[in-house]
Amino acid sequence: MTDPESGTISWEEMRALIAARVPQGVIERLSPVPAAELGHLRAPLRRLRAELSRELSSGDTTRYSAAYDQLAALQFAGIHSAATAAQALEWLTARPLLDITWPLPGGGSTNPDHHVLLTALLSPHRDQAFHRELAVRLAEWLPARGRHDRWLITHGLAVWSGAEVPVTDGYLIGWLREGGSIRYPYHREIGEWFAMRGLREPVPHHDTLLSWLRAQPRLSEFVRRLFEVPDVGTEFTDPYAARFGPDNEWPKALTALAGEGVLDRAELIDLCLGKLLRGDRPGNLRGFLRLYAALALDPDEVLARAGDHVRLAADGAPTAAKAAQAALVPVDDRLSAEVFTELTAAVLARPEKTLATSQLSRAAAALRRDPATADGLLPAVSVAFAHPAHAVQERALRLAAQHLPGVAPATAEAVRSAAVALGPALRPESHRLLAVQAPGVAKATEPHAAEMLEWPAHLRSPGTTPVLRPQQPEAGPGRISGA
């Protein structure tokens, strides 16, 4: 019924359409009417929304069902009558209206169709400024963990109006999930949907993630945000993506684009390392480790980022530290002695047995290549004396003992002092292996107190006899005092 005096839709008619529950009735009635002619409905619609919200909280099942079934029709009435983008946003995001189903004319209900909601917003009575503002407002509203139905509307408005929406966490997550859907044959992007409806010119169809990414106008900006937004890594480990080929896996697609020069490979590597250094929960970090593996850094790229890899090996999550340690293996002989020593001390301070065992093997190889590095490297090796694994302590002890005779006295003393951290089972062995003769002193065939080195009191095992230092000869040319 139309008000004869104003020539507009009366509240009574609008209320009856909402009570009928089916959104299509509201859509058909209001679509031809400009929002400017529906101003008298705005206040009653807001009051009705508040009234239905109270009914939803009544605790009465019958009242709840009666109120719930009217929400979809009410939402369309609110959207059509909204005078501003802010008012439309309110009707799209009000809590009672977010998770509703749409009643069907013959009974039952169906899930909302974002295309229908988008069509209501794209009324020819609206101008581009309205669409751009609403797209921006929706992008700012999107929950950080994403909400794909509202993202699709946001994206549709942005594509329609040319709005450059802010890359919020919620918008980025929606974009990421859209990329993961491209592989499905039935999927159509919003630009394709516009073309199918005759609203816009045809656009290319993309059937792989890689193809879709190449066509993204703000790709570099969006890719940078991938390393800042929470929970992106879980999307990188989509277990189904591999079934559709490498062009549909995020890590491999990004790597391919870097290889093509579409993305800056050096920047992508740095972004990935930065994310691994910052850390994350294991499930999310796994995705970025897959990207790191896909990038497959060459030795020069690793060497240029040696500091980042050392820090990652020292402080990263176990899986990230393992990847960093493995990446440094091919450049061990190109690292400065200082950097390799820092790496060794850092890794041996970690509790993981496999990391420590591998690093001790590399330290042994480094000492074989250049025994002169022992003065710097043995104190780092002695960090493993405090390792929780007995096998690591024992291996470090034997490596230190093997190279101790050739080091400076101060280094030898530092290694012996560190031995206090060894477990009780290795303490007697450490006394035997680390109590070496000073250079120039012949090894005695029979034990003699005057030819043995005295251990500091804090390193002696309980109940053992103190070992005495030999009398030192006069210092002379070429002589080195006892360690």
Foldseek 3Di string as FASTA:
>chain_A
DADPVLRHRDPVVLVVQLLLLAQVVLCVVLLVPALVRLQVCQVVLVVLVVVLVVQCVPPDPVSNVSSQSSLNNSLLNQCSNDPALVSNVCSDDPVSNPFHWGADNVGDTHRDDLVVVLVSNVRPSDDLVRLLVNLQVLQVVADLQEDQSSLLSSVLSCVVNVHDHDNHNHNLNNVLVLLLPLQDPVDDRSQCVCVVVVNDPHDDRDNFSLVVLLPDPCNQVSLLCCLVRPPSLLSQPPVCQPVSPLRRHVLLSVLVCCVVVVYVLLVNQVSLLVSQLVADPVSSNVSSVSSNVNNPDDLVSCVVVVVSLLSCLQDGDPVSVVVSVVSCVVCLVVDDLVSLLSSLLRNLLDQDPVSLVVSLVSLLVVCVVPVVSLLSRLLSLLSNQQHPDLVSNVSSLQSSLVSVQPYAPVSLLSSLVSNLNHDPVCLVVSQVSSFDFHPPDDDDPDDDLQRTPFRPPSSDDPPDDTRHYHDWDDDDPPDHTTD
